[in-house]
Amino acid sequence: MTSSTATAPAAAPTPPAPGLRRRKTPIADTGFRLVALGCGLLVLAILVLIAVSTTHQALPAFRHAGFDFLTSKVWDPTHGKFGALAFIWGTVLTSLIALVIAVPVSLGIALFLAELAPQALRTPVIYVIDLLAAVPSVVYGLWGILILAPRLNHLYTSISKGVHGVPVLSTFLAGQDGKSFMTAGLIVALMITPIVTSLSREVFATVPRAQKEAALALGATRWEMMRTSILGYGRSGVVGAIMLGLGRAMGETIAVALVIGSFPRISLALFRSGDAMAAVVANEFGDATGTWRAALIGLGVVLFALTIVVNAIARVFIGRAEKMGVGGL
């Protein structure tokens, strides 16, 4: 007897779930990606064009002075001598003075606004800080030359006489010029404080509340909580804010030109007059011609390159801070 076995029909394949189907990239997303890429490349192209065009116009001065343009401190357009070292020194020195003064004040204000200030006081203080950031630099410069410099002249004289003969202090605190490196540093510090404060406050506001409460629950004091949980968590953001303030300080022009004294020199004496790259360009560009004009443009090229170096260093510091993670400072 022959038996036949019935074969069951093969089951139809199950279609993939709608969520697992491969979706095509919408045209709007592709267009936005291309527009964003184009904008980023446009910024880079503009920076390259600025560098190329200014360097081309500064070539006569670079050929005329050679490497002495960076190593010589003599700036005498009448005799065709163009040395940028004194201006580079003045730019770096005033920027460092501004950072030393502004950074502790800015971080203190940012921590106060983020953690300690009552709401009734926090909002008006934030408005005042934003208002200070919007004040034109020429207003700071005029206030510095008309009000601050005459009063600081007497203070500088008293300090210089008081530390006369004291090692180290007598070197740094010598001089009695109201228009000086120190006055320029004070004005620039006042100008960058709102920037560093605002950025730092925004960074501190992103710290998770659970992280702060955990530090307090483990027995940390209020300061220990701010030092480890807030400053440690926002280390990279704070470094970025400081470097942005440094870039603003190095490029400040009118305010520095009014209060620095316009006397090119390399000196550690903070109470003596000096000059900076942006300030000398603003003061002399209107009358400059030929090689003199090219030398002033060359100062702009050097300042541009110095700014790029500062930004590169900032990226390195931010990267290291991110790798270190959250921890005490």
Protein backbone atom coordinates (compact mmCIF):
# COMPACT_ATOMS: atom_id res chain seq x y z
CA MET A 1 0.00 0.00 0.00
CA THR A 2 1.48 3.23 -1.09
CA SER A 3 1.25 6.21 1.25
CA SER A 4 1.68 9.76 0.03
CA THR A 5 2.91 12.51 2.28
CA ALA A 6 1.39 15.97 1.72
CA THR A 7 3.94 18.73 1.42
CA ALA A 8 3.02 21.96 3.24
CA PRO A 9 3.29 25.09 1.12
CA ALA A 10 6.29 27.32 1.87
CA ALA A 11 5.48 30.25 4.12
CA ALA A 12 5.61 33.65 2.50
CA PRO A 13 8.50 35.86 3.70
CA THR A 14 7.54 38.29 6.43
CA PRO A 15 7.93 41.89 5.28
CA PRO A 16 10.27 44.00 7.41
CA ALA A 17 8.77 46.26 9.96
CA PRO A 18 8.20 49.81 8.74
CA GLY A 19 10.74 51.15 11.23
CA LEU A 20 13.45 48.79 9.94
CA ARG A 21 13.10 49.70 6.30
CA ARG A 22 15.94 51.72 4.86
CA ARG A 23 14.79 55.23 4.49
CA LYS A 24 16.12 57.58 1.88
CA THR A 25 17.76 60.76 3.09
CA PRO A 26 15.27 63.60 2.62
CA ILE A 27 16.23 66.24 0.10
CA ALA A 28 15.94 68.94 2.78
CA ASP A 29 18.54 67.20 5.00
CA THR A 30 20.94 66.83 2.09
CA GLY A 31 20.47 70.44 1.11
CA PHE A 32 21.02 71.64 4.66
CA ARG A 33 24.18 69.53 4.94
CA LEU A 34 25.55 71.04 1.75
CA VAL A 35 24.67 74.59 2.82
CA ALA A 36 26.34 74.09 6.21
CA LEU A 37 29.43 72.63 4.53
CA GLY A 38 29.53 75.56 2.13
CA CYS A 39 29.30 78.08 4.97
CA GLY A 40 32.15 76.39 6.82
CA LEU A 41 34.33 76.32 3.72
CA LEU A 42 33.44 79.96 3.03
CA VAL A 43 34.75 81.01 6.44
CA LEU A 44 38.01 79.15 5.83
CA ALA A 45 38.28 80.69 2.36
CA ILE A 46 37.80 84.19 3.77
CA LEU A 47 40.51 83.61 6.38
CA VAL A 48 42.88 82.33 3.71
CA LEU A 49 42.14 85.30 1.45
CA ILE A 50 42.73 87.73 4.33
CA ALA A 51 46.06 86.10 5.13
CA VAL A 52 47.15 86.00 1.49
CA SER A 53 46.11 89.56 0.61
CA THR A 54 47.59 91.19 3.71
CA THR A 55 50.82 89.20 3.41
CA HIS A 56 51.11 90.24 -0.24
CA GLN A 57 50.73 93.92 0.67
CA ALA A 58 53.22 93.54 3.52
CA LEU A 59 55.89 91.89 1.35
CA PRO A 60 57.79 95.16 0.62
CA ALA A 61 58.34 95.67 4.36
CA PHE A 62 59.31 92.04 4.90
CA ARG A 63 61.84 92.24 2.05
CA HIS A 64 63.15 95.57 3.31
CA ALA A 65 63.62 94.57 6.96
CA GLY A 66 64.09 90.84 6.58
CA PHE A 67 64.06 88.79 9.77
CA ASP A 68 64.82 91.98 11.70
CA PHE A 69 61.15 92.84 11.34
CA LEU A 70 60.44 90.34 14.12
CA THR A 71 63.65 90.61 16.13
CA SER A 72 64.39 94.35 16.11
CA LYS A 73 62.81 96.77 18.57
CA VAL A 74 63.68 99.90 16.56
CA TRP A 75 60.70 101.51 14.84
CA ASP A 76 61.84 104.61 12.94
CA PRO A 77 59.86 105.19 9.73
CA THR A 78 61.84 108.37 8.99
CA HIS A 79 65.05 106.36 8.58
CA GLY A 80 63.37 103.28 7.15
CA LYS A 81 63.77 101.05 10.21
CA PHE A 82 60.86 98.80 11.04
CA GLY A 83 61.13 96.44 13.99
CA ALA A 84 57.98 94.93 15.47
CA LEU A 85 59.44 93.33 18.59
CA ALA A 86 58.51 96.20 20.93
CA PHE A 87 54.93 96.15 19.69
CA ILE A 88 54.72 92.37 20.03
CA TRP A 89 56.00 92.72 23.59
CA GLY A 90 53.46 95.40 24.41
CA THR A 91 50.60 93.34 22.98
CA VAL A 92 51.55 90.22 24.92
CA LEU A 93 52.26 92.09 28.16
CA THR A 94 49.01 94.05 28.24
CA SER A 95 47.05 90.92 27.35
CA LEU A 96 48.65 88.94 30.18
CA ILE A 97 47.97 91.77 32.65
CA ALA A 98 44.35 91.78 31.53
CA LEU A 99 44.04 88.00 31.99
CA VAL A 100 45.64 88.02 35.43
CA ILE A 101 43.15 90.64 36.58
CA ALA A 102 40.03 89.60 34.68
CA VAL A 103 40.02 85.80 35.01
CA PRO A 104 39.72 85.51 38.83
CA VAL A 105 37.12 88.29 38.90
CA SER A 106 35.15 86.75 36.04
CA LEU A 107 35.13 83.25 37.54
CA GLY A 108 34.13 84.64 40.92
CA ILE A 109 31.22 86.56 39.41
CA ALA A 110 30.17 83.55 37.33
CA LEU A 111 30.16 81.24 40.36
CA PHE A 112 28.26 83.81 42.39
CA LEU A 113 25.60 84.16 39.73
CA ALA A 114 25.34 80.41 39.13
CA GLU A 115 25.28 79.17 42.73
CA LEU A 116 25.08 81.87 45.38
CA ALA A 117 23.13 84.88 44.16
CA PRO A 118 19.40 85.10 44.98
CA GLN A 119 17.13 85.36 41.97
CA ALA A 120 16.20 88.96 42.80
CA LEU A 121 19.85 89.97 42.51
CA ARG A 122 20.92 87.54 39.79
CA THR A 123 18.84 89.00 36.98
CA PRO A 124 19.94 92.66 37.41
CA VAL A 125 23.61 91.64 37.66
CA ILE A 126 23.34 89.62 34.45
CA TYR A 127 21.80 92.62 32.70
CA VAL A 128 24.64 94.86 33.89
CA ILE A 129 27.27 92.38 32.69
CA ASP A 130 25.62 92.14 29.27
CA LEU A 131 25.48 95.93 29.13
CA LEU A 132 29.19 96.22 29.89
CA ALA A 133 29.95 93.83 27.03
CA ALA A 134 28.02 96.11 24.65
CA VAL A 135 29.83 99.34 25.58
CA PRO A 136 32.03 100.56 22.67
CA SER A 137 35.76 100.30 23.26
CA VAL A 138 36.30 104.00 22.56
CA VAL A 139 34.16 104.79 25.62
CA TYR A 140 36.45 102.69 27.80
CA GLY A 141 39.45 104.39 26.24
CA LEU A 142 38.13 107.90 26.85
CA TRP A 143 37.23 107.05 30.43
CA GLY A 144 40.70 105.64 30.90
CA ILE A 145 42.59 108.63 29.50
CA LEU A 146 40.40 111.33 31.05
CA ILE A 147 39.61 109.90 34.48
CA LEU A 148 41.61 106.78 35.28
CA ALA A 149 45.10 107.69 34.00
CA PRO A 150 45.48 110.99 35.94
CA ARG A 151 44.52 109.29 39.20
CA LEU A 152 46.71 106.27 38.58
CA ASN A 153 49.68 108.55 37.92
CA HIS A 154 49.86 109.48 41.60
CA LEU A 155 49.24 105.89 42.69
CA TYR A 156 52.00 104.57 40.44
CA THR A 157 54.41 107.17 41.82
CA SER A 158 53.65 106.18 45.41
CA ILE A 159 53.99 102.46 44.70
CA SER A 160 57.22 102.93 42.76
CA LYS A 161 58.77 104.94 45.59
CA GLY A 162 57.54 102.46 48.19
CA VAL A 163 59.19 99.45 46.53
CA HIS A 164 62.37 101.26 45.50
CA GLY A 165 65.34 99.00 46.25
CA VAL A 166 63.19 95.91 46.85
CA PRO A 167 64.38 93.00 44.67
CA VAL A 168 62.04 91.96 41.86
CA LEU A 169 59.28 94.37 42.92
CA SER A 170 61.41 97.37 42.07
CA THR A 171 61.81 95.97 38.55
CA PHE A 172 58.16 95.25 37.86
CA LEU A 173 56.66 98.23 39.70
CA ALA A 174 58.99 100.92 38.37
CA GLY A 175 57.81 104.00 36.51
CA GLN A 176 55.15 106.60 37.11
CA ASP A 177 53.33 107.10 33.81
CA GLY A 178 49.55 107.21 33.94
CA LYS A 179 49.57 106.04 30.32
CA SER A 180 51.35 102.73 30.68
CA PHE A 181 51.26 98.98 30.20
CA MET A 182 49.40 98.62 33.48
CA THR A 183 46.71 101.16 32.62
CA ALA A 184 46.15 99.50 29.25
CA GLY A 185 45.96 96.12 30.96
CA LEU A 186 43.38 97.43 33.44
CA ILE A 187 41.18 98.84 30.68
CA VAL A 188 41.38 95.65 28.63
CA ALA A 189 40.65 93.59 31.75
CA LEU A 190 37.50 95.64 32.27
CA MET A 191 36.53 94.99 28.66
CA ILE A 192 37.03 91.21 28.65
CA THR A 193 35.52 90.57 32.09
CA PRO A 194 31.91 90.56 30.79
CA ILE A 195 32.87 88.12 27.99
CA VAL A 196 34.63 85.62 30.24
CA THR A 197 31.93 85.98 32.90
CA SER A 198 29.03 85.35 30.52
CA LEU A 199 30.62 82.33 28.88
CA SER A 200 31.73 80.83 32.21
CA ARG A 201 28.28 81.33 33.71
CA GLU A 202 26.69 79.48 30.79
CA VAL A 203 29.16 76.64 31.26
CA PHE A 204 28.45 76.40 34.98
CA ALA A 205 24.70 76.35 34.27
CA THR A 206 25.12 73.10 32.31
CA VAL A 207 26.47 71.17 35.31
CA PRO A 208 23.94 68.43 36.23
CA ARG A 209 22.14 69.14 39.48
CA ALA A 210 22.52 65.52 40.55
CA GLN A 211 26.29 65.85 40.38
CA LYS A 212 26.30 68.84 42.74
CA GLU A 213 23.87 67.17 45.14
CA ALA A 214 25.98 64.01 45.15
CA ALA A 215 29.07 65.98 46.17
CA LEU A 216 27.17 67.64 49.01
CA ALA A 217 25.71 64.28 50.09
CA LEU A 218 29.22 62.85 50.38
CA GLY A 219 30.10 65.56 52.89
CA ALA A 220 31.73 68.15 50.63
CA THR A 221 31.54 71.77 51.70
CA ARG A 222 29.99 74.38 49.41
CA TRP A 223 33.43 75.43 48.14
CA GLU A 224 34.56 71.82 47.64
CA MET A 225 31.40 71.14 45.66
CA MET A 226 32.03 74.16 43.41
CA ARG A 227 35.71 73.29 43.01
CA THR A 228 35.17 69.65 42.07
CA SER A 229 31.70 69.41 40.55
CA ILE A 230 31.35 72.81 38.87
CA LEU A 231 34.85 73.99 38.04
CA GLY A 232 35.98 70.46 37.33
CA TYR A 233 33.01 69.67 35.09
CA GLY A 234 33.30 72.95 33.18
CA ARG A 235 37.08 72.99 32.88
CA SER A 236 37.15 72.84 29.09
CA GLY A 237 34.48 75.51 28.74
CA VAL A 238 36.29 77.83 31.14
CA VAL A 239 39.53 77.40 29.21
CA GLY A 240 37.70 78.25 26.01
CA ALA A 241 36.20 81.37 27.60
CA ILE A 242 39.61 82.50 28.84
CA MET A 243 41.20 82.00 25.44
CA LEU A 244 38.39 83.90 23.77
CA GLY A 245 39.00 86.75 26.21
CA LEU A 246 42.71 86.59 25.42
CA GLY A 247 41.98 86.90 21.71
CA ARG A 248 39.83 89.97 22.39
CA ALA A 249 42.56 91.47 24.56
CA MET A 250 45.25 90.98 21.93
CA GLY A 251 43.17 92.57 19.19
CA GLU A 252 41.87 95.56 21.14
CA THR A 253 42.79 98.78 19.35
CA ILE A 254 41.26 102.15 20.23
CA ALA A 255 41.11 101.78 24.01
CA VAL A 256 44.71 100.56 24.16
CA ALA A 257 45.90 103.27 21.76
CA LEU A 258 44.50 105.95 24.06
CA VAL A 259 45.99 104.74 27.34
CA ILE A 260 49.20 102.84 26.60
CA GLY A 261 51.38 105.88 25.92
CA SER A 262 52.46 105.14 22.31
CA PHE A 263 56.16 104.73 23.16
CA PRO A 264 57.67 101.53 21.71
CA ARG A 265 59.85 99.87 24.32
CA ILE A 266 60.63 96.48 25.81
CA SER A 267 60.49 96.76 29.57
CA LEU A 268 59.30 94.78 32.58
CA ALA A 269 58.30 98.00 34.32
CA LEU A 270 54.51 97.93 34.31
CA PHE A 271 54.12 101.61 35.15
CA ARG A 272 55.96 102.86 32.04
CA SER A 273 54.49 103.76 28.69
CA GLY A 274 54.66 101.35 25.76
CA ASP A 275 52.84 100.45 22.58
CA ALA A 276 51.01 97.54 20.96
CA MET A 277 50.55 96.26 17.43
CA ALA A 278 46.91 97.17 16.97
CA ALA A 279 47.43 100.56 18.62
CA VAL A 280 50.33 101.63 16.39
CA VAL A 281 48.42 100.59 13.28
CA ALA A 282 45.47 102.76 14.34
CA ASN A 283 47.71 105.72 15.19
CA GLU A 284 49.98 105.74 12.14
CA PHE A 285 48.10 104.16 9.24
CA GLY A 286 46.47 107.41 8.12
CA ASP A 287 49.83 109.08 7.46
CA ALA A 288 51.76 106.04 6.22
CA THR A 289 52.85 105.51 2.63
CA GLY A 290 55.10 103.08 0.77
CA THR A 291 57.21 100.79 2.91
CA TRP A 292 55.92 102.39 6.07
CA ARG A 293 52.36 101.44 5.13
CA ALA A 294 53.52 97.93 4.21
CA ALA A 295 55.21 97.63 7.61
CA LEU A 296 51.97 98.53 9.39
CA ILE A 297 50.14 95.91 7.35
CA GLY A 298 52.93 93.52 8.32
CA LEU A 299 52.10 94.20 11.97
CA GLY A 300 48.55 93.15 11.18
CA VAL A 301 49.87 89.94 9.62
CA VAL A 302 51.93 89.21 12.72
CA LEU A 303 48.93 89.88 14.96
CA PHE A 304 46.80 87.60 12.77
CA ALA A 305 49.39 84.83 13.02
CA LEU A 306 49.71 85.33 16.78
CA THR A 307 45.94 85.02 17.13
CA ILE A 308 45.97 81.76 15.18
CA VAL A 309 48.73 80.42 17.43
CA VAL A 310 46.71 81.37 20.53
CA ASN A 311 43.63 79.61 19.14
CA ALA A 312 45.68 76.50 18.36
CA ILE A 313 47.07 76.47 21.90
CA ALA A 314 43.53 76.92 23.21
CA ARG A 315 42.38 73.86 21.28
CA VAL A 316 45.22 71.84 22.80
CA PHE A 317 44.31 72.96 26.33
CA ILE A 318 40.61 72.28 25.76
CA GLY A 319 41.38 68.83 24.42
CA ARG A 320 43.54 68.01 27.42
CA ALA A 321 40.88 69.31 29.78
CA GLU A 322 38.25 67.13 28.14
CA LYS A 323 40.47 64.06 28.43
CA MET A 324 41.09 64.75 32.12
CA GLY A 325 37.35 64.72 32.72
CA VAL A 326 35.67 65.91 35.86
CA GLY A 327 37.87 66.44 38.84
CA GLY A 328 39.32 68.97 41.17
CA LEU A 329 41.32 71.87 39.89
